[in-house]
Amino acid sequence: MQKLYVRGQKNLSGTLQISGSKNATLPILAASILSEKKIIIKNIPLVKDVITMSELLKYIGSDIKLNYKKKTIYINNKNKNLKTIAPYSFVKTMRAGVVILGPLLARFGRAKVSLPGGCAIGSRPVNLHLFGLKKLGARINIKNGYISAKVKNGLIGNIINFPSISVGATENLIIAASLAKGTTILKNCACEPEIKNLTNFLEKMGINITWTNKREIKIVGKKNLKPVTHTIMFDRIEAGTFIIAGALTGKNLKIKGLDTKVIKNELNILKKMGVKFKIRNKEIQVLTSKNIKPITIKTEPYPGFPTDLQAQIMVLMTRANGISKIKENIFENRFMHVPELIRMGAKIKILNNSASIYGPKDLNGAEVMATDLRASVSLVLAGLIAKNKTVINRVYHLDRGYENIEKKLRKCKAKISRF
């Protein structure tokens, strides 16, 4: 099993290029099932979850080719006899796998999809996905770890008001409603930028989709779709991760290929903490940030502070002069990195879904274990500022969502290797 070795206290400088968004790519790949026409998807990130979803599409019968050099996927679904099953072997490693349920059901009238897996950061309820699909006319049964869904004469548009905000359920229902008869109105939707990227993709295919307000979408179903070429948006979580890395250890770190408007809230929080940066066209220059201030934040659906950056900003909080607090409102087990940070010298106290981080504390290198995707990258950040060497085990979590992270960091003078 591979490990990362990080030699800390090295100043980062140079230029980092942000990859395409994993969280935008996965639902767009799932949505490709809707169409028999040619699809080209550019700027895909070469991460494990994207490779797994591509392999799943191949398994069900899609003609899909991944050009690693161009970071482009070519899809042709002329095969009208696609399998309508997504086995556990594919879905077990990524929670986004359940989003394949909607497009299979919409196009073929049936689907059997394994209950989702992914990181151990909390339960994976699919109740909102099923709630919405039932409103479109699906009959659903859960047995032996699989969701079986059927609809006799195609999905029928409806008004669906989600009881709570869910990114995955919003994506699944947007995709399913795209082939449904009539009009679907989705209320209390998630409005993450990755979902806007998905709706842009579907609009290019010919689907009539309108955001009627911040959390409401109107979808008019359509059967005859068009060929499409689409570019994946930048990965805002990777961007936030590297901005925090620059704040921790940077001397003059340039981060390119992002849209600062999309991460406006995160930048405002970092600015309040004393992080110094300059914004240029699609680029942020992170400067030496010595006087980090404590702050209190809570994770929320977009445009609030993302749960996927919670572990990373916690490392920055260990440098703050005072007590910082985080309230985690999205996942119930998303403080699993805390014991590892404590082993490295951090002082953190957990009470229910809140963490208090006492700073400033000097971290020391240690052998630690990654428990999930974002926890693993927080340990990389901690290793970058720690004295001596940090060894990070189970880095396969990291590979699910970060493309060549050690190569990118090495390019900016970090001492990091994989063995």
Protein backbone atom coordinates (compact mmCIF):
# COMPACT_ATOMS: atom_id res chain seq x y z
CA MET A 1 0.00 0.00 0.00
CA GLN A 2 1.45 3.35 -1.05
CA LYS A 3 2.47 6.07 1.39
CA LEU A 4 3.37 9.73 1.14
CA TYR A 5 6.49 11.07 2.83
CA VAL A 6 6.47 14.80 3.56
CA ARG A 7 9.47 16.73 4.83
CA GLY A 8 8.06 19.87 6.42
CA GLN A 9 8.92 23.54 6.87
CA LYS A 10 9.80 24.22 3.24
CA ASN A 11 8.54 27.48 1.70
CA LEU A 12 6.32 26.96 -1.34
CA SER A 13 6.82 29.17 -4.37
CA GLY A 14 6.06 28.82 -8.05
CA THR A 15 2.87 28.19 -10.04
CA LEU A 16 0.13 25.59 -9.54
CA GLN A 17 -2.45 24.81 -12.24
CA ILE A 18 -5.90 23.84 -10.97
CA SER A 19 -7.44 20.72 -12.52
CA GLY A 20 -11.00 20.19 -13.69
CA SER A 21 -13.61 19.47 -11.05
CA LYS A 22 -14.20 15.88 -9.98
CA ASN A 23 -17.57 16.84 -8.51
CA ALA A 24 -18.66 18.37 -11.82
CA THR A 25 -17.30 15.55 -14.00
CA LEU A 26 -19.07 12.64 -12.27
CA PRO A 27 -22.72 13.74 -12.74
CA ILE A 28 -21.96 14.89 -16.30
CA LEU A 29 -20.57 11.44 -17.11
CA ALA A 30 -23.72 9.91 -15.64
CA ALA A 31 -25.88 12.29 -17.71
CA SER A 32 -24.14 11.13 -20.90
CA ILE A 33 -26.26 7.95 -20.64
CA LEU A 34 -29.29 10.00 -21.74
CA SER A 35 -28.03 10.53 -25.28
CA GLU A 36 -27.28 8.41 -28.34
CA LYS A 37 -25.30 11.27 -29.89
CA LYS A 38 -21.56 12.00 -29.69
CA ILE A 39 -20.34 13.66 -26.53
CA ILE A 40 -16.94 15.26 -25.90
CA ILE A 41 -16.02 16.29 -22.34
CA LYS A 42 -12.88 18.38 -21.90
CA ASN A 43 -10.73 19.36 -18.91
CA ILE A 44 -11.52 16.21 -16.93
CA PRO A 45 -9.37 15.54 -13.85
CA LEU A 46 -7.35 12.33 -13.98
CA VAL A 47 -8.44 11.10 -10.56
CA LYS A 48 -9.58 7.69 -9.36
CA ASP A 49 -13.30 8.53 -9.08
CA VAL A 50 -13.43 9.73 -12.70
CA ILE A 51 -11.60 6.62 -13.90
CA THR A 52 -14.04 4.44 -11.91
CA MET A 53 -17.08 6.19 -13.39
CA SER A 54 -15.60 5.80 -16.89
CA GLU A 55 -15.10 2.08 -16.24
CA LEU A 56 -18.70 1.82 -15.03
CA LEU A 57 -19.94 3.40 -18.26
CA LYS A 58 -17.82 0.94 -20.23
CA TYR A 59 -19.30 -1.92 -18.21
CA ILE A 60 -22.87 -0.94 -19.05
CA GLY A 61 -21.95 -0.75 -22.74
CA SER A 62 -21.01 2.86 -23.50
CA ASP A 63 -18.42 3.44 -26.20
CA ILE A 64 -16.17 5.64 -24.09
CA LYS A 65 -12.57 6.61 -24.69
CA LEU A 66 -10.36 8.62 -22.32
CA ASN A 67 -7.49 10.59 -23.81
CA TYR A 68 -5.11 11.05 -20.87
CA LYS A 69 -2.86 13.50 -22.67
CA LYS A 70 -5.68 15.83 -23.71
CA LYS A 71 -7.70 15.19 -20.53
CA THR A 72 -10.72 14.58 -22.73
CA ILE A 73 -13.42 11.89 -22.76
CA TYR A 74 -15.18 10.84 -25.96
CA ILE A 75 -18.55 9.06 -25.61
CA ASN A 76 -20.87 7.47 -28.15
CA ASN A 77 -23.95 5.67 -26.83
CA LYS A 78 -25.39 4.35 -30.10
CA ASN A 79 -25.64 0.97 -28.41
CA LYS A 80 -29.32 0.76 -27.48
CA ASN A 81 -28.80 -2.35 -25.38
CA LEU A 82 -26.91 -0.85 -22.49
CA LYS A 83 -26.92 -2.83 -19.27
CA THR A 84 -29.10 -1.22 -16.63
CA ILE A 85 -27.17 -2.43 -13.62
CA ALA A 86 -24.40 -0.65 -11.70
CA PRO A 87 -22.64 -3.31 -9.59
CA TYR A 88 -21.25 -2.86 -6.09
CA SER A 89 -17.71 -3.38 -7.40
CA PHE A 90 -17.91 0.02 -9.14
CA VAL A 91 -20.15 2.01 -6.83
CA LYS A 92 -18.53 0.94 -3.53
CA THR A 93 -15.70 3.48 -3.74
CA MET A 94 -17.66 6.63 -4.68
CA ARG A 95 -20.87 8.05 -3.35
CA ALA A 96 -21.56 9.74 -6.72
CA GLY A 97 -22.24 6.30 -8.22
CA VAL A 98 -25.92 6.48 -7.26
CA VAL A 99 -26.38 9.38 -9.72
CA ILE A 100 -26.39 6.79 -12.51
CA LEU A 101 -29.83 5.69 -11.26
CA GLY A 102 -31.71 8.67 -12.76
CA PRO A 103 -30.36 8.51 -16.33
CA LEU A 104 -30.71 4.70 -16.60
CA LEU A 105 -34.31 4.89 -15.39
CA ALA A 106 -35.12 7.85 -17.65
CA ARG A 107 -33.75 6.26 -20.83
CA PHE A 108 -34.52 2.57 -20.33
CA GLY A 109 -37.36 2.51 -17.80
CA ARG A 110 -35.42 0.35 -15.36
CA ALA A 111 -32.25 0.42 -13.28
CA LYS A 112 -30.54 -1.62 -10.58
CA VAL A 113 -27.85 0.30 -8.74
CA SER A 114 -25.79 -0.67 -5.71
CA LEU A 115 -26.22 1.49 -2.65
CA PRO A 116 -23.35 4.01 -2.63
CA GLY A 117 -19.97 3.90 -0.94
CA GLY A 118 -17.14 6.44 -0.74
CA CYS A 119 -15.44 7.86 2.33
CA ALA A 120 -16.34 6.96 5.89
CA ILE A 121 -17.44 10.52 6.69
CA GLY A 122 -21.07 9.73 7.41
CA SER A 123 -24.13 7.86 6.28
CA ARG A 124 -25.09 7.82 2.61
CA PRO A 125 -28.85 8.30 2.68
CA VAL A 126 -30.49 7.93 -0.71
CA ASN A 127 -33.98 8.75 0.57
CA LEU A 128 -34.11 12.13 -1.21
CA HIS A 129 -33.03 10.54 -4.52
CA LEU A 130 -35.80 7.94 -4.20
CA PHE A 131 -38.34 10.49 -2.96
CA GLY A 132 -37.83 12.54 -6.12
CA LEU A 133 -37.81 9.61 -8.55
CA LYS A 134 -41.05 8.27 -7.05
CA LYS A 135 -42.61 11.69 -7.69
CA LEU A 136 -41.70 11.19 -11.38
CA GLY A 137 -43.55 7.86 -11.36
CA ALA A 138 -40.84 5.31 -10.53
CA ARG A 139 -41.56 2.17 -8.52
CA ILE A 140 -38.61 1.47 -6.24
CA ASN A 141 -37.49 -1.46 -4.12
CA ILE A 142 -34.33 -1.89 -2.01
CA LYS A 143 -33.07 -5.44 -1.52
CA ASN A 144 -29.67 -7.10 -0.91
CA GLY A 145 -27.84 -3.78 -1.03
CA TYR A 146 -29.30 -2.72 -4.40
CA ILE A 147 -31.85 -0.13 -5.47
CA SER A 148 -34.19 -1.52 -8.13
CA ALA A 149 -36.29 1.06 -9.97
CA LYS A 150 -38.84 0.66 -12.76
CA VAL A 151 -41.29 2.86 -14.65
CA LYS A 152 -43.78 1.43 -17.14
CA ASN A 153 -44.39 4.18 -19.70
CA GLY A 154 -41.62 6.65 -19.00
CA LEU A 155 -41.10 9.23 -16.28
CA ILE A 156 -43.71 11.99 -15.96
CA GLY A 157 -42.83 15.56 -14.99
CA ASN A 158 -43.96 16.78 -11.57
CA ILE A 159 -43.39 19.43 -8.91
CA ILE A 160 -40.79 18.16 -6.42
CA ASN A 161 -40.02 20.07 -3.23
CA PHE A 162 -36.96 18.51 -1.54
CA PRO A 163 -37.43 18.32 2.26
CA SER A 164 -33.75 19.25 2.66
CA ILE A 165 -30.93 20.36 0.37
CA SER A 166 -28.98 17.53 -1.28
CA VAL A 167 -26.36 17.89 -4.02
CA GLY A 168 -26.63 14.29 -5.22
CA ALA A 169 -30.43 14.17 -5.20
CA THR A 170 -30.61 17.48 -7.07
CA GLU A 171 -28.24 16.12 -9.74
CA ASN A 172 -30.10 12.81 -10.05
CA LEU A 173 -33.48 14.49 -10.49
CA ILE A 174 -32.21 17.11 -12.94
CA ILE A 175 -30.82 14.33 -15.13
CA ALA A 176 -33.89 12.07 -14.81
CA ALA A 177 -36.32 14.94 -15.52
CA SER A 178 -34.43 15.77 -18.72
CA LEU A 179 -36.12 12.84 -20.52
CA ALA A 180 -39.40 12.93 -18.55
CA LYS A 181 -42.66 13.78 -20.31
CA GLY A 182 -43.79 17.33 -19.63
CA THR A 183 -42.40 19.81 -17.14
CA THR A 184 -40.63 19.20 -13.85
CA ILE A 185 -40.11 21.87 -11.23
CA LEU A 186 -37.49 21.15 -8.55
CA LYS A 187 -37.69 23.24 -5.38
CA ASN A 188 -35.21 23.63 -2.51
CA CYS A 189 -32.40 22.46 -4.81
CA ALA A 190 -28.69 22.52 -4.14
CA CYS A 191 -27.14 25.33 -6.22
CA GLU A 192 -23.44 24.39 -6.20
CA PRO A 193 -21.39 25.66 -9.18
CA GLU A 194 -20.88 22.02 -10.22
CA ILE A 195 -24.67 21.68 -10.60
CA LYS A 196 -24.71 24.81 -12.78
CA ASN A 197 -21.99 23.14 -14.88
CA LEU A 198 -24.27 20.08 -15.20
CA THR A 199 -27.28 22.15 -16.28
CA ASN A 200 -25.09 23.99 -18.83
CA PHE A 201 -24.08 20.59 -20.26
CA LEU A 202 -27.71 19.44 -20.50
CA GLU A 203 -28.76 22.74 -22.12
CA LYS A 204 -26.12 22.17 -24.81
CA MET A 205 -27.73 18.76 -25.41
CA GLY A 206 -31.01 20.55 -26.11
CA ILE A 207 -32.80 20.23 -22.76
CA ASN A 208 -34.83 23.28 -21.76
CA ILE A 209 -33.57 24.07 -18.22
CA THR A 210 -34.20 27.33 -16.38
CA TRP A 211 -33.08 28.42 -12.92
CA THR A 212 -36.24 30.29 -11.91
CA ASN A 213 -34.61 31.42 -8.68
CA LYS A 214 -31.61 30.53 -6.52
CA ARG A 215 -32.97 27.12 -5.46
CA GLU A 216 -35.65 26.36 -8.05
CA ILE A 217 -35.21 24.75 -11.46
CA LYS A 218 -37.71 24.26 -14.30
CA ILE A 219 -36.99 21.38 -16.70
CA VAL A 220 -38.93 20.60 -19.86
CA GLY A 221 -38.17 17.02 -20.89
CA LYS A 222 -36.99 16.25 -24.42
CA LYS A 223 -36.19 13.01 -26.25
CA ASN A 224 -34.22 14.15 -29.31
CA LEU A 225 -30.88 15.35 -28.02
CA LYS A 226 -27.96 17.01 -29.81
CA PRO A 227 -24.24 16.15 -29.93
CA VAL A 228 -22.33 18.19 -27.41
CA THR A 229 -18.83 19.38 -26.56
CA HIS A 230 -18.46 20.59 -22.99
CA THR A 231 -15.63 21.87 -20.77
CA ILE A 232 -15.55 20.93 -17.08
CA MET A 233 -15.23 23.84 -14.64
CA PHE A 234 -12.20 24.22 -12.35
CA ASP A 235 -12.03 22.27 -9.09
CA ARG A 236 -12.89 24.86 -6.43
CA ILE A 237 -11.97 22.46 -3.60
CA GLU A 238 -8.51 21.85 -5.05
CA ALA A 239 -8.16 25.62 -5.48
CA GLY A 240 -9.13 26.23 -1.86
CA THR A 241 -6.74 23.51 -0.70
CA PHE A 242 -3.77 25.07 -2.49
CA ILE A 243 -4.66 28.59 -1.36
CA ILE A 244 -4.56 27.28 2.22
CA ALA A 245 -1.25 25.54 1.46
CA GLY A 246 0.10 28.88 0.28
CA ALA A 247 -1.18 30.59 3.42
CA LEU A 248 0.55 27.97 5.58
CA THR A 249 3.93 27.79 3.90
CA GLY A 250 3.91 30.02 0.86
CA LYS A 251 6.45 32.64 0.01
CA ASN A 252 5.02 33.53 -3.37
CA LEU A 253 2.61 30.87 -4.65
CA LYS A 254 0.62 31.48 -7.83
CA ILE A 255 -2.53 29.44 -8.38
CA LYS A 256 -3.90 29.53 -11.93
CA GLY A 257 -7.00 28.36 -13.78
CA LEU A 258 -9.77 29.37 -11.36
CA ASP A 259 -12.72 31.75 -11.15
CA THR A 260 -12.44 33.83 -7.98
CA LYS A 261 -16.16 34.74 -8.09
CA VAL A 262 -17.04 31.09 -7.46
CA ILE A 263 -14.95 30.97 -4.27
CA LYS A 264 -15.74 34.50 -3.08
CA ASN A 265 -17.03 33.38 0.34
CA GLU A 266 -13.98 31.19 1.02
CA LEU A 267 -11.62 34.02 0.04
CA ASN A 268 -13.45 36.44 2.35
CA ILE A 269 -13.03 34.02 5.27
CA LEU A 270 -9.33 33.55 4.53
CA LYS A 271 -8.91 37.32 4.26
CA LYS A 272 -10.50 37.75 7.70
CA MET A 273 -7.97 35.23 9.03
CA GLY A 274 -5.14 37.40 7.76
CA VAL A 275 -4.21 35.45 4.63
CA LYS A 276 -2.56 37.79 2.14
CA PHE A 277 -3.22 37.34 -1.56
CA LYS A 278 -3.57 39.26 -4.81
CA ILE A 279 -6.26 38.46 -7.36
CA ARG A 280 -5.59 38.70 -11.09
CA ASN A 281 -7.41 37.29 -14.10
CA LYS A 282 -8.05 33.60 -13.32
CA GLU A 283 -5.11 33.65 -10.91
CA ILE A 284 -4.43 34.14 -7.19
CA GLN A 285 -1.01 35.01 -5.84
CA VAL A 286 -0.72 33.91 -2.19
CA LEU A 287 1.87 35.87 -0.24
CA THR A 288 3.58 35.24 3.10
CA SER A 289 0.87 35.32 5.77
CA LYS A 290 2.41 35.53 9.24
CA ASN A 291 -0.33 36.82 11.55
CA ILE A 292 -3.19 34.32 11.26
CA LYS A 293 -6.29 35.27 13.25
CA PRO A 294 -8.82 32.91 14.85
CA ILE A 295 -12.27 32.64 13.31
CA THR A 296 -15.59 30.84 13.83
CA ILE A 297 -17.18 29.16 10.80
CA LYS A 298 -19.87 26.61 9.98
CA THR A 299 -20.16 24.32 6.97
CA GLU A 300 -23.24 24.86 4.81
CA PRO A 301 -24.55 24.16 1.31
CA TYR A 302 -23.24 26.56 -1.34
CA PRO A 303 -22.72 29.51 -1.15
CA GLY A 304 -21.80 28.75 2.47
CA PHE A 305 -18.41 27.39 3.53
CA PRO A 306 -17.95 23.92 1.97
CA THR A 307 -17.63 20.83 4.13
CA ASP A 308 -14.97 19.66 1.65
CA LEU A 309 -12.63 22.43 2.87
CA GLN A 310 -13.29 21.99 6.57
CA ALA A 311 -10.33 19.68 7.28
CA GLN A 312 -7.92 21.91 5.34
CA ILE A 313 -8.88 25.16 7.06
CA MET A 314 -8.58 23.40 10.42
CA VAL A 315 -4.84 22.98 9.75
CA LEU A 316 -4.59 26.73 9.11
CA MET A 317 -6.43 27.35 12.39
CA THR A 318 -3.63 25.61 14.30
CA ARG A 319 -1.50 28.63 13.27
CA ALA A 320 -4.00 31.23 14.50
CA ASN A 321 -3.40 33.36 17.60
CA GLY A 322 -6.37 32.21 19.66
CA ILE A 323 -9.28 29.77 19.60
CA SER A 324 -11.03 29.01 16.30
CA LYS A 325 -14.27 27.07 16.03
CA ILE A 326 -15.86 24.94 13.32
CA LYS A 327 -19.43 23.66 13.33
CA GLU A 328 -19.85 20.77 10.88
CA ASN A 329 -23.43 20.75 9.57
CA ILE A 330 -23.17 18.41 6.55
CA PHE A 331 -21.61 15.07 7.62
CA GLU A 332 -21.70 13.56 11.09
CA ASN A 333 -18.27 11.87 10.94
CA ARG A 334 -16.20 14.57 9.32
CA PHE A 335 -13.76 15.12 12.18
CA MET A 336 -11.91 11.84 11.63
CA HIS A 337 -8.71 13.73 10.80
CA VAL A 338 -8.67 15.35 14.24
CA PRO A 339 -7.01 12.45 16.16
CA GLU A 340 -4.23 12.39 13.55
CA LEU A 341 -3.68 16.15 13.82
CA ILE A 342 -3.59 15.81 17.61
CA ARG A 343 -0.88 13.15 17.22
CA MET A 344 1.12 15.77 15.33
CA GLY A 345 0.79 18.27 18.18
CA ALA A 346 -2.45 20.13 17.47
CA LYS A 347 -4.74 21.03 20.36
CA ILE A 348 -8.32 20.38 19.25
CA LYS A 349 -11.43 19.57 21.28
CA ILE A 350 -14.57 18.03 19.81
CA LEU A 351 -18.07 18.39 21.26
CA ASN A 352 -20.80 16.77 19.14
CA ASN A 353 -20.52 18.44 15.70
CA SER A 354 -18.30 21.32 16.81
CA ALA A 355 -14.51 21.58 17.02
CA SER A 356 -12.43 24.10 18.97
CA ILE A 357 -8.91 24.61 17.64
CA TYR A 358 -6.36 26.20 19.97
CA GLY A 359 -3.46 28.07 18.42
CA PRO A 360 -0.79 28.73 17.66
CA LYS A 361 0.63 25.22 17.94
CA ASP A 362 3.80 23.88 16.31
CA LEU A 363 3.22 20.56 14.60
CA ASN A 364 5.69 17.69 14.58
CA GLY A 365 6.04 15.02 11.92
CA ALA A 366 4.48 11.64 12.69
CA GLU A 367 3.15 8.55 10.99
CA VAL A 368 -0.55 9.16 10.36
CA MET A 369 -3.45 7.46 8.59
CA ALA A 370 -5.85 8.99 6.07
CA THR A 371 -9.49 8.10 6.67
CA ASP A 372 -11.18 9.91 3.79
CA LEU A 373 -10.46 12.14 0.80
CA ARG A 374 -10.36 15.55 2.46
CA ALA A 375 -8.84 14.22 5.71
CA SER A 376 -5.94 12.86 3.68
CA VAL A 377 -5.15 16.22 2.12
CA SER A 378 -5.36 17.95 5.50
CA LEU A 379 -2.59 15.61 6.68
CA VAL A 380 -0.51 16.62 3.64
CA LEU A 381 -0.97 20.27 4.62
CA ALA A 382 -0.06 19.48 8.21
CA GLY A 383 3.05 17.65 7.01
CA LEU A 384 4.11 20.69 4.97
CA ILE A 385 4.36 22.84 8.13
CA ALA A 386 5.48 20.16 10.62
CA LYS A 387 9.00 19.70 11.90
CA ASN A 388 10.80 16.63 10.53
CA LYS A 389 9.09 13.95 8.44
CA THR A 390 5.42 12.97 8.18
CA VAL A 391 4.36 9.59 6.76
CA ILE A 392 0.77 9.40 5.47
CA ASN A 393 -0.76 5.95 5.08
CA ARG A 394 -3.76 4.91 2.93
CA VAL A 395 -3.23 7.64 0.34
CA TYR A 396 -5.61 5.88 -2.06
CA HIS A 397 -8.22 8.18 -0.49
CA LEU A 398 -6.22 11.15 -1.77
CA ASP A 399 -6.08 9.76 -5.31
CA ARG A 400 -9.90 9.76 -5.52
CA GLY A 401 -10.00 13.54 -5.80
CA TYR A 402 -6.54 15.11 -6.27
CA GLU A 403 -4.67 14.84 -9.55
CA ASN A 404 -0.90 14.35 -9.17
CA ILE A 405 -0.86 16.32 -5.93
CA GLU A 406 2.71 15.43 -4.99
CA LYS A 407 3.98 16.39 -8.47
CA LYS A 408 2.20 19.74 -8.28
CA LEU A 409 3.62 20.43 -4.81
CA ARG A 410 7.13 19.28 -5.74
CA LYS A 411 7.06 21.72 -8.64
CA CYS A 412 6.60 24.43 -5.99
CA LYS A 413 9.57 23.26 -3.90
CA ALA A 414 7.73 20.97 -1.46
CA LYS A 415 9.62 17.90 -0.24
CA ILE A 416 7.04 15.19 -0.86
CA SER A 417 7.40 11.67 -2.30
CA ARG A 418 5.33 8.55 -2.82
CA PHE A 419 6.52 5.03 -2.00
